[in-house]
Structure formats: structure tokens, C-alpha cells
């Protein structure tokens, strides 16, 4: 699946996107755990590590907001990681 990072999440990881392979039946909770495991250190002094930031992030799966952490993911999904935004 394709994971896309925005704003502070992109600054933290140092990348705008990456491809991940999770086991069949993996959920959003599994994805969050894997992202925290992969990104324990920030790539910049201007953003916290993604592992710390994930608690405050919102997620879109194929353009639709995801609230259910037990939602099953597919290998061809696009998941956007959106940290809190300020301003308007």
C-alpha cells in the first residue's frame, strides 16, 4: 500500500511517501504500529518523531476519513497521514 505523509509527518519522516507491505487482514491499528516502529526518530529538529506524532494524526484511506482502527486494509490502498493543521 502507498502511505503518503503531509506537513509535520513528512518533516518527521523526511519523505513524502513510501510503499509498505502488511500481512493480509492488517488493520489501521496494525498500520499505525508499523509506522511507529519504522519511524522512531525524526529526520529534523523541527518535528517530533512520527511515533510520537501518530497519536494526534488523522488518516484518510483512499480519500475517506478513517476513525475505526479495526478497519481492514487492502494492498492497493492509499493511506494519507495528516497531522493537526493550524490556520485556515
PDB file of N, CA and C in Angstrom:
ATOM      1  N   UNK A   1       0.840  -1.172   0.000  1.00  0.00           N
ATOM      2  CA  UNK A   1       0.000   0.000   0.000  1.00  0.00           C
ATOM      3  C   UNK A   1       0.883   1.232   0.000  1.00  0.00           C
ATOM      4  N   UNK A   2       0.330   2.303  -0.462  1.00  0.00           N
ATOM      5  CA  UNK A   2       1.053   3.563  -0.508  1.00  0.00           C
ATOM      6  C   UNK A   2       0.675   4.398   0.702  1.00  0.00           C
ATOM      7  N   UNK A   3       1.692   4.851   1.443  1.00  0.00           N
ATOM      8  CA  UNK A   3       1.492   5.727   2.584  1.00  0.00           C
ATOM      9  C   UNK A   3       2.025   7.099   2.191  1.00  0.00           C
ATOM     10  N   UNK A   4       1.189   8.124   2.314  1.00  0.00           N
ATOM     11  CA  UNK A   4       1.615   9.489   1.984  1.00  0.00           C
ATOM     12  C   UNK A   4       1.617  10.322   3.254  1.00  0.00           C
ATOM     13  N   UNK A   5       2.684  11.104   3.424  1.00  0.00           N
ATOM     14  CA  UNK A   5       2.855  11.933   4.615  1.00  0.00           C
ATOM     15  C   UNK A   5       2.708  13.404   4.255  1.00  0.00           C
ATOM     16  N   UNK A   6       2.052  14.159   5.126  1.00  0.00           N
ATOM     17  CA  UNK A   6       1.829  15.574   4.896  1.00  0.00           C
ATOM     18  C   UNK A   6       2.339  16.389   6.079  1.00  0.00           C
ATOM     19  N   UNK A   7       2.744  17.626   5.796  1.00  0.00           N
ATOM     20  CA  UNK A   7       3.145  18.612   6.806  1.00  0.00           C
ATOM     21  C   UNK A   7       4.157  18.028   7.785  1.00  0.00           C
ATOM     22  N   UNK A   8       3.866  18.091   9.091  1.00  0.00           N
ATOM     23  CA  UNK A   8       4.823  17.648  10.106  1.00  0.00           C
ATOM     24  C   UNK A   8       5.156  16.166   9.974  1.00  0.00           C
ATOM     25  N   UNK A   9       4.234  15.361   9.476  1.00  0.00           N
ATOM     26  CA  UNK A   9       4.514  13.934   9.277  1.00  0.00           C
ATOM     27  C   UNK A   9       5.581  13.746   8.201  1.00  0.00           C
ATOM     28  N   UNK A  10       5.513  14.532   7.140  1.00  0.00           N
ATOM     29  CA  UNK A  10       6.540  14.475   6.091  1.00  0.00           C
ATOM     30  C   UNK A  10       7.869  14.991   6.622  1.00  0.00           C
ATOM     31  N   UNK A  11       7.831  16.061   7.420  1.00  0.00           N
ATOM     32  CA  UNK A  11       9.065  16.592   8.005  1.00  0.00           C
ATOM     33  C   UNK A  11       9.687  15.562   8.937  1.00  0.00           C
ATOM     34  N   UNK A  12       8.882  14.898   9.713  1.00  0.00           N
ATOM     35  CA  UNK A  12       9.366  13.911  10.662  1.00  0.00           C
ATOM     36  C   UNK A  12      10.027  12.721   9.970  1.00  0.00           C
ATOM     37  N   UNK A  13       9.379  12.207   8.935  1.00  0.00           N
ATOM     38  CA  UNK A  13       9.907  11.024   8.249  1.00  0.00           C
ATOM     39  C   UNK A  13      10.998  11.371   7.247  1.00  0.00           C
ATOM     40  N   UNK A  14      10.987  12.606   6.769  1.00  0.00           N
ATOM     41  CA  UNK A  14      11.945  13.003   5.743  1.00  0.00           C
ATOM     42  C   UNK A  14      11.553  12.537   4.354  1.00  0.00           C
ATOM     43  N   UNK A  15      10.346  12.006   4.215  1.00  0.00           N
ATOM     44  CA  UNK A  15       9.848  11.533   2.921  1.00  0.00           C
ATOM     45  C   UNK A  15       8.389  11.954   2.771  1.00  0.00           C
ATOM     46  N   UNK A  16       7.932  12.012   1.542  1.00  0.00           N
ATOM     47  CA  UNK A  16       6.526  12.353   1.291  1.00  0.00           C
ATOM     48  C   UNK A  16       5.659  11.114   1.108  1.00  0.00           C
ATOM     49  N   UNK A  17       6.287   9.984   0.784  1.00  0.00           N
ATOM     50  CA  UNK A  17       5.517   8.758   0.562  1.00  0.00           C
ATOM     51  C   UNK A  17       6.438   7.549   0.650  1.00  0.00           C
ATOM     52  N   UNK A  18       5.820   6.409   0.950  1.00  0.00           N
ATOM     53  CA  UNK A  18       6.544   5.144   0.932  1.00  0.00           C
ATOM     54  C   UNK A  18       5.550   4.020   0.703  1.00  0.00           C
ATOM     55  N   UNK A  19       6.044   2.924   0.181  1.00  0.00           N
ATOM     56  CA  UNK A  19       5.223   1.733  -0.012  1.00  0.00           C
ATOM     57  C   UNK A  19       5.505   0.759   1.128  1.00  0.00           C
ATOM     58  N   UNK A  20       4.446   0.190   1.690  1.00  0.00           N
ATOM     59  CA  UNK A  20       4.568  -0.804   2.746  1.00  0.00           C
ATOM     60  C   UNK A  20       3.767  -2.035   2.379  1.00  0.00           C
ATOM     61  N   UNK A  21       4.263  -3.156   2.816  1.00  0.00           N
ATOM     62  CA  UNK A  21       3.512  -4.398   2.674  1.00  0.00           C
ATOM     63  C   UNK A  21       3.183  -4.895   4.068  1.00  0.00           C
ATOM     64  N   UNK A  22       1.900  -5.024   4.338  1.00  0.00           N
ATOM     65  CA  UNK A  22       1.428  -5.562   5.607  1.00  0.00           C
ATOM     66  C   UNK A  22       0.764  -6.905   5.332  1.00  0.00           C
ATOM     67  N   UNK A  23       0.694  -7.763   6.330  1.00  0.00           N
ATOM     68  CA  UNK A  23       0.037  -9.062   6.135  1.00  0.00           C
ATOM     69  C   UNK A  23      -1.437  -8.904   5.764  1.00  0.00           C
ATOM     70  N   UNK A  24      -1.976  -9.888   5.076  1.00  0.00           N
ATOM     71  CA  UNK A  24      -3.408  -9.888   4.762  1.00  0.00           C
ATOM     72  C   UNK A  24      -4.196  -9.767   6.055  1.00  0.00           C
ATOM     73  N   UNK A  25      -5.246  -8.960   6.022  1.00  0.00           N
ATOM     74  CA  UNK A  25      -6.082  -8.761   7.190  1.00  0.00           C
ATOM     75  C   UNK A  25      -5.572  -7.680   8.134  1.00  0.00           C
ATOM     76  N   UNK A  26      -4.485  -7.019   7.773  1.00  0.00           N
ATOM     77  CA  UNK A  26      -3.952  -5.951   8.617  1.00  0.00           C
ATOM     78  C   UNK A  26      -4.975  -4.821   8.734  1.00  0.00           C
ATOM     79  N   UNK A  27      -4.986  -4.191   9.895  1.00  0.00           N
ATOM     80  CA  UNK A  27      -5.942  -3.113  10.184  1.00  0.00           C
ATOM     81  C   UNK A  27      -5.216  -1.771  10.262  1.00  0.00           C
ATOM     82  N   UNK A  28      -5.992  -0.728  10.412  1.00  0.00           N
ATOM     83  CA  UNK A  28      -5.410   0.598  10.631  1.00  0.00           C
ATOM     84  C   UNK A  28      -4.551   0.600  11.888  1.00  0.00           C
ATOM     85  N   UNK A  29      -4.975  -0.100  12.926  1.00  0.00           N
ATOM     86  CA  UNK A  29      -4.174  -0.191  14.152  1.00  0.00           C
ATOM     87  C   UNK A  29      -2.833  -0.848  13.860  1.00  0.00           C
ATOM     88  N   UNK A  30      -2.830  -1.892  13.034  1.00  0.00           N
ATOM     89  CA  UNK A  30      -1.577  -2.556  12.652  1.00  0.00           C
ATOM     90  C   UNK A  30      -0.680  -1.603  11.878  1.00  0.00           C
ATOM     91  N   UNK A  31      -1.283  -0.828  10.986  1.00  0.00           N
ATOM     92  CA  UNK A  31      -0.511   0.138  10.211  1.00  0.00           C
ATOM     93  C   UNK A  31       0.118   1.175  11.131  1.00  0.00           C
ATOM     94  N   UNK A  32      -0.636   1.704  12.055  1.00  0.00           N
ATOM     95  CA  UNK A  32      -0.083   2.694  12.992  1.00  0.00           C
ATOM     96  C   UNK A  32       1.074   2.110  13.789  1.00  0.00           C
ATOM     97  N   UNK A  33       0.943   0.880  14.227  1.00  0.00           N
ATOM     98  CA  UNK A  33       2.018   0.219  14.968  1.00  0.00           C
ATOM     99  C   UNK A  33       3.263   0.085  14.102  1.00  0.00           C
ATOM    100  N   UNK A  34       3.070  -0.304  12.859  1.00  0.00           N
ATOM    101  CA  UNK A  34       4.213  -0.460  11.946  1.00  0.00           C
ATOM    102  C   UNK A  34       4.872   0.880  11.640  1.00  0.00           C
ATOM    103  N   UNK A  35       4.083   1.917  11.430  1.00  0.00           N
ATOM    104  CA  UNK A  35       4.650   3.239  11.166  1.00  0.00           C
ATOM    105  C   UNK A  35       5.454   3.733  12.368  1.00  0.00           C
ATOM    106  N   UNK A  36       4.945   3.510  13.561  1.00  0.00           N
ATOM    107  CA  UNK A  36       5.672   3.915  14.770  1.00  0.00           C
ATOM    108  C   UNK A  36       6.977   3.135  14.891  1.00  0.00           C
ATOM    109  N   UNK A  37       6.948   1.870  14.538  1.00  0.00           N
ATOM    110  CA  UNK A  37       8.153   1.038  14.599  1.00  0.00           C
ATOM    111  C   UNK A  37       9.203   1.484  13.581  1.00  0.00           C
ATOM    112  N   UNK A  38       8.745   1.863  12.403  1.00  0.00           N
ATOM    113  CA  UNK A  38       9.659   2.261  11.329  1.00  0.00           C
ATOM    114  C   UNK A  38      10.254   3.649  11.527  1.00  0.00           C
ATOM    115  N   UNK A  39       9.516   4.529  12.188  1.00  0.00           N
ATOM    116  CA  UNK A  39       9.922   5.934  12.273  1.00  0.00           C
ATOM    117  C   UNK A  39      10.008   6.391  13.732  1.00  0.00           C
ATOM    118  N   UNK A  40      10.989   5.871  14.442  1.00  0.00           N
ATOM    119  CA  UNK A  40      11.155   6.190  15.863  1.00  0.00           C
ATOM    120  C   UNK A  40      11.943   7.469  16.090  1.00  0.00           C
ATOM    121  N   UNK A  41      12.659   7.918  15.061  1.00  0.00           N
ATOM    122  CA  UNK A  41      13.498   9.114  15.173  1.00  0.00           C
ATOM    123  C   UNK A  41      13.098  10.088  14.074  1.00  0.00           C
ATOM    124  N   UNK A  42      13.003  11.360  14.417  1.00  0.00           N
ATOM    125  CA  UNK A  42      12.663  12.385  13.430  1.00  0.00           C
ATOM    126  C   UNK A  42      13.855  12.680  12.531  1.00  0.00           C
ATOM    127  N   UNK A  43      13.572  13.023  11.295  1.00  0.00           N
ATOM    128  CA  UNK A  43      14.631  13.390  10.354  1.00  0.00           C
ATOM    129  C   UNK A  43      15.025  14.860  10.496  1.00  0.00           C
ATOM    130  N   UNK A  44      14.340  15.593  11.384  1.00  0.00           N
ATOM    131  CA  UNK A  44      14.602  17.015  11.559  1.00  0.00           C
ATOM    132  C   UNK A  44      14.416  17.421  13.019  1.00  0.00           C
ATOM    133  N   UNK A  45      15.024  18.515  13.382  1.00  0.00           N
ATOM    134  CA  UNK A  45      14.833  19.060  14.728  1.00  0.00           C
ATOM    135  C   UNK A  45      13.511  19.819  14.851  1.00  0.00           C
ATOM    136  N   UNK A  46      12.816  20.023  13.736  1.00  0.00           N
ATOM    137  CA  UNK A  46      11.610  20.851  13.711  1.00  0.00           C
ATOM    138  C   UNK A  46      10.311  20.067  13.872  1.00  0.00           C
ATOM    139  N   UNK A  47      10.414  18.755  13.997  1.00  0.00           N
ATOM    140  CA  UNK A  47       9.209  17.933  14.138  1.00  0.00           C
ATOM    141  C   UNK A  47       9.518  16.760  15.058  1.00  0.00           C
ATOM    142  N   UNK A  48       8.527  16.318  15.831  1.00  0.00           N
ATOM    143  CA  UNK A  48       8.748  15.137  16.672  1.00  0.00           C
ATOM    144  C   UNK A  48       8.833  13.883  15.810  1.00  0.00           C
ATOM    145  N   UNK A  49       9.319  12.825  16.386  1.00  0.00           N
ATOM    146  CA  UNK A  49       9.341  11.538  15.680  1.00  0.00           C
ATOM    147  C   UNK A  49       7.910  11.148  15.321  1.00  0.00           C
ATOM    148  N   UNK A  50       7.748  10.488  14.192  1.00  0.00           N
ATOM    149  CA  UNK A  50       6.411  10.081  13.757  1.00  0.00           C
ATOM    150  C   UNK A  50       5.748   9.209  14.819  1.00  0.00           C
ATOM    151  N   UNK A  51       6.522   8.381  15.492  1.00  0.00           N
ATOM    152  CA  UNK A  51       5.970   7.531  16.549  1.00  0.00           C
ATOM    153  C   UNK A  51       5.235   8.364  17.593  1.00  0.00           C
ATOM    154  N   UNK A  52       5.726   9.557  17.886  1.00  0.00           N
ATOM    155  CA  UNK A  52       5.075  10.451  18.851  1.00  0.00           C
ATOM    156  C   UNK A  52       3.920  11.215  18.213  1.00  0.00           C
ATOM    157  N   UNK A  53       4.039  11.537  16.968  1.00  0.00           N
ATOM    158  CA  UNK A  53       3.054  12.347  16.258  1.00  0.00           C
ATOM    159  C   UNK A  53       1.792  11.568  15.892  1.00  0.00           C
ATOM    160  N   UNK A  54       1.904  10.266  15.724  1.00  0.00           N
ATOM    161  CA  UNK A  54       0.779   9.460  15.247  1.00  0.00           C
ATOM    162  C   UNK A  54      -0.469   9.561  16.112  1.00  0.00           C
ATOM    163  N   UNK A  55      -0.296   9.741  17.405  1.00  0.00           N
ATOM    164  CA  UNK A  55      -1.453   9.835  18.306  1.00  0.00           C
ATOM    165  C   UNK A  55      -2.362  11.008  17.953  1.00  0.00           C
ATOM    166  N   UNK A  56      -1.796  12.040  17.350  1.00  0.00           N
ATOM    167  CA  UNK A  56      -2.571  13.240  17.021  1.00  0.00           C
ATOM    168  C   UNK A  56      -2.953  13.315  15.546  1.00  0.00           C
ATOM    169  N   UNK A  57      -2.535  12.342  14.766  1.00  0.00           N
ATOM    170  CA  UNK A  57      -2.783  12.374  13.324  1.00  0.00           C
ATOM    171  C   UNK A  57      -4.179  11.868  12.970  1.00  0.00           C
ATOM    172  N   UNK A  58      -4.655  12.370  11.842  1.00  0.00           N
ATOM    173  CA  UNK A  58      -5.852  11.833  11.197  1.00  0.00           C
ATOM    174  C   UNK A  58      -5.390  11.019  10.001  1.00  0.00           C
ATOM    175  N   UNK A  59      -6.254  10.125   9.550  1.00  0.00           N
ATOM    176  CA  UNK A  59      -5.900   9.256   8.434  1.00  0.00           C
ATOM    177  C   UNK A  59      -7.015   9.245   7.400  1.00  0.00           C
ATOM    178  N   UNK A  60      -6.613   9.238   6.147  1.00  0.00           N
ATOM    179  CA  UNK A  60      -7.546   9.033   5.040  1.00  0.00           C
ATOM    180  C   UNK A  60      -7.162   7.731   4.361  1.00  0.00           C
ATOM    181  N   UNK A  61      -8.154   6.924   4.056  1.00  0.00           N
ATOM    182  CA  UNK A  61      -7.939   5.710   3.263  1.00  0.00           C
ATOM    183  C   UNK A  61      -8.663   5.908   1.949  1.00  0.00           C
ATOM    184  N   UNK A  62      -7.890   5.984   0.884  1.00  0.00           N
ATOM    185  CA  UNK A  62      -8.450   6.213  -0.447  1.00  0.00           C
ATOM    186  C   UNK A  62      -9.342   7.455  -0.456  1.00  0.00           C
ATOM    187  N   UNK A  63      -8.886   8.484   0.267  1.00  0.00           N
ATOM    188  CA  UNK A  63      -9.574   9.768   0.272  1.00  0.00           C
ATOM    189  C   UNK A  63     -10.714   9.899   1.262  1.00  0.00           C
ATOM    190  N   UNK A  64     -10.970   8.872   2.066  1.00  0.00           N
ATOM    191  CA  UNK A  64     -12.076   8.898   3.020  1.00  0.00           C
ATOM    192  C   UNK A  64     -11.512   8.810   4.435  1.00  0.00           C
ATOM    193  N   UNK A  65     -11.993   9.697   5.313  1.00  0.00           N
ATOM    194  CA  UNK A  65     -11.511   9.724   6.695  1.00  0.00           C
ATOM    195  C   UNK A  65     -11.764   8.387   7.387  1.00  0.00           C
ATOM    196  N   UNK A  66     -10.781   7.958   8.164  1.00  0.00           N
ATOM    197  CA  UNK A  66     -10.875   6.692   8.892  1.00  0.00           C
ATOM    198  C   UNK A  66     -10.840   6.973  10.390  1.00  0.00           C
ATOM    199  N   UNK A  67     -11.849   6.535  11.081  1.00  0.00           N
ATOM    200  CA  UNK A  67     -11.907   6.640  12.547  1.00  0.00           C
ATOM    201  C   UNK A  67     -11.760   5.261  13.196  1.00  0.00           C
ATOM    202  N   UNK A  68     -12.175   4.215  12.487  1.00  0.00           N
ATOM    203  CA  UNK A  68     -12.189   2.848  13.003  1.00  0.00           C
ATOM    204  C   UNK A  68     -10.804   2.222  12.892  1.00  0.00           C
ATOM    205  N   UNK A  69     -10.142   2.013  14.024  1.00  0.00           N
ATOM    206  CA  UNK A  69      -8.789   1.447  13.998  1.00  0.00           C
ATOM    207  C   UNK A  69      -8.786  -0.028  13.601  1.00  0.00           C
ATOM    208  N   UNK A  70      -9.948  -0.671  13.631  1.00  0.00           N
ATOM    209  CA  UNK A  70     -10.024  -2.082  13.251  1.00  0.00           C
ATOM    210  C   UNK A  70     -10.416  -2.273  11.780  1.00  0.00           C
ATOM    211  N   UNK A  71     -10.465  -1.175  11.028  1.00  0.00           N
ATOM    212  CA  UNK A  71     -10.768  -1.254   9.606  1.00  0.00           C
ATOM    213  C   UNK A  71      -9.675  -2.027   8.887  1.00  0.00           C
ATOM    214  N   UNK A  72     -10.048  -3.052   8.141  1.00  0.00           N
ATOM    215  CA  UNK A  72      -9.087  -3.852   7.383  1.00  0.00           C
ATOM    216  C   UNK A  72      -8.607  -3.083   6.161  1.00  0.00           C
ATOM    217  N   UNK A  73      -7.336  -3.224   5.865  1.00  0.00           N
ATOM    218  CA  UNK A  73      -6.720  -2.530   4.734  1.00  0.00           C
ATOM    219  C   UNK A  73      -6.446  -3.507   3.599  1.00  0.00           C
ATOM    220  N   UNK A  74      -6.389  -2.966   2.385  1.00  0.00           N
ATOM    221  CA  UNK A  74      -6.061  -3.751   1.196  1.00  0.00           C
ATOM    222  C   UNK A  74      -4.689  -3.342   0.677  1.00  0.00           C
ATOM    223  N   UNK A  75      -4.048  -4.223  -0.056  1.00  0.00           N
ATOM    224  CA  UNK A  75      -2.693  -3.960  -0.548  1.00  0.00           C
ATOM    225  C   UNK A  75      -2.626  -2.784  -1.504  1.00  0.00           C
ATOM    226  N   UNK A  76      -3.735  -2.455  -2.173  1.00  0.00           N
ATOM    227  CA  UNK A  76      -3.716  -1.354  -3.134  1.00  0.00           C
ATOM    228  C   UNK A  76      -4.261  -0.042  -2.556  1.00  0.00           C
ATOM    229  N   UNK A  77      -4.466   0.015  -1.239  1.00  0.00           N
ATOM    230  CA  UNK A  77      -4.956   1.233  -0.597  1.00  0.00           C
ATOM    231  C   UNK A  77      -3.914   2.339  -0.609  1.00  0.00           C
ATOM    232  N   UNK A  78      -4.406   3.582  -0.591  1.00  0.00           N
ATOM    233  CA  UNK A  78      -3.577   4.757  -0.383  1.00  0.00           C
ATOM    234  C   UNK A  78      -4.005   5.355   0.950  1.00  0.00           C
ATOM    235  N   UNK A  79      -3.066   5.446   1.885  1.00  0.00           N
ATOM    236  CA  UNK A  79      -3.368   5.980   3.217  1.00  0.00           C
ATOM    237  C   UNK A  79      -2.591   7.279   3.403  1.00  0.00           C
ATOM    238  N   UNK A  80      -3.315   8.332   3.717  1.00  0.00           N
ATOM    239  CA  UNK A  80      -2.705   9.635   3.969  1.00  0.00           C
ATOM    240  C   UNK A  80      -2.596   9.847   5.476  1.00  0.00           C
ATOM    241  N   UNK A  81      -1.420  10.296   5.916  1.00  0.00           N
ATOM    242  CA  UNK A  81      -1.172  10.584   7.319  1.00  0.00           C
ATOM    243  C   UNK A  81      -1.164  12.102   7.465  1.00  0.00           C
ATOM    244  N   UNK A  82      -2.152  12.619   8.202  1.00  0.00           N
ATOM    245  CA  UNK A  82      -2.362  14.053   8.313  1.00  0.00           C
ATOM    246  C   UNK A  82      -2.219  14.507   9.760  1.00  0.00           C
ATOM    247  N   UNK A  83      -1.144  15.210  10.079  1.00  0.00           N
ATOM    248  CA  UNK A  83      -1.022  15.736  11.433  1.00  0.00           C
ATOM    249  C   UNK A  83      -1.985  16.901  11.611  1.00  0.00           C
ATOM    250  N   UNK A  84      -2.177  17.352  12.848  1.00  0.00           N
ATOM    251  CA  UNK A  84      -3.060  18.504  13.061  1.00  0.00           C
ATOM    252  C   UNK A  84      -2.527  19.727  12.306  1.00  0.00           C
ATOM    253  N   UNK A  85      -3.439  20.464  11.736  1.00  0.00           N
ATOM    254  CA  UNK A  85      -3.071  21.678  10.995  1.00  0.00           C
ATOM    255  C   UNK A  85      -3.576  22.899  11.757  1.00  0.00           C
ATOM    256  N   UNK A  86      -2.828  23.965  11.683  1.00  0.00           N
ATOM    257  CA  UNK A  86      -3.269  25.224  12.281  1.00  0.00           C
ATOM    258  C   UNK A  86      -3.600  26.196  11.155  1.00  0.00           C
ATOM    259  N   UNK A  87      -4.396  27.161  11.458  1.00  0.00           N
ATOM    260  CA  UNK A  87      -4.729  28.175  10.449  1.00  0.00           C
ATOM    261  C   UNK A  87      -5.953  27.777   9.650  1.00  0.00           C
ATOM    262  N   UNK A  88      -6.139  28.439   8.513  1.00  0.00           N
ATOM    263  CA  UNK A  88      -7.336  28.155   7.758  1.00  0.00           C
ATOM    264  C   UNK A  88      -7.207  28.359   6.346  1.00  0.00           C
TER     265      UNK A  88
END
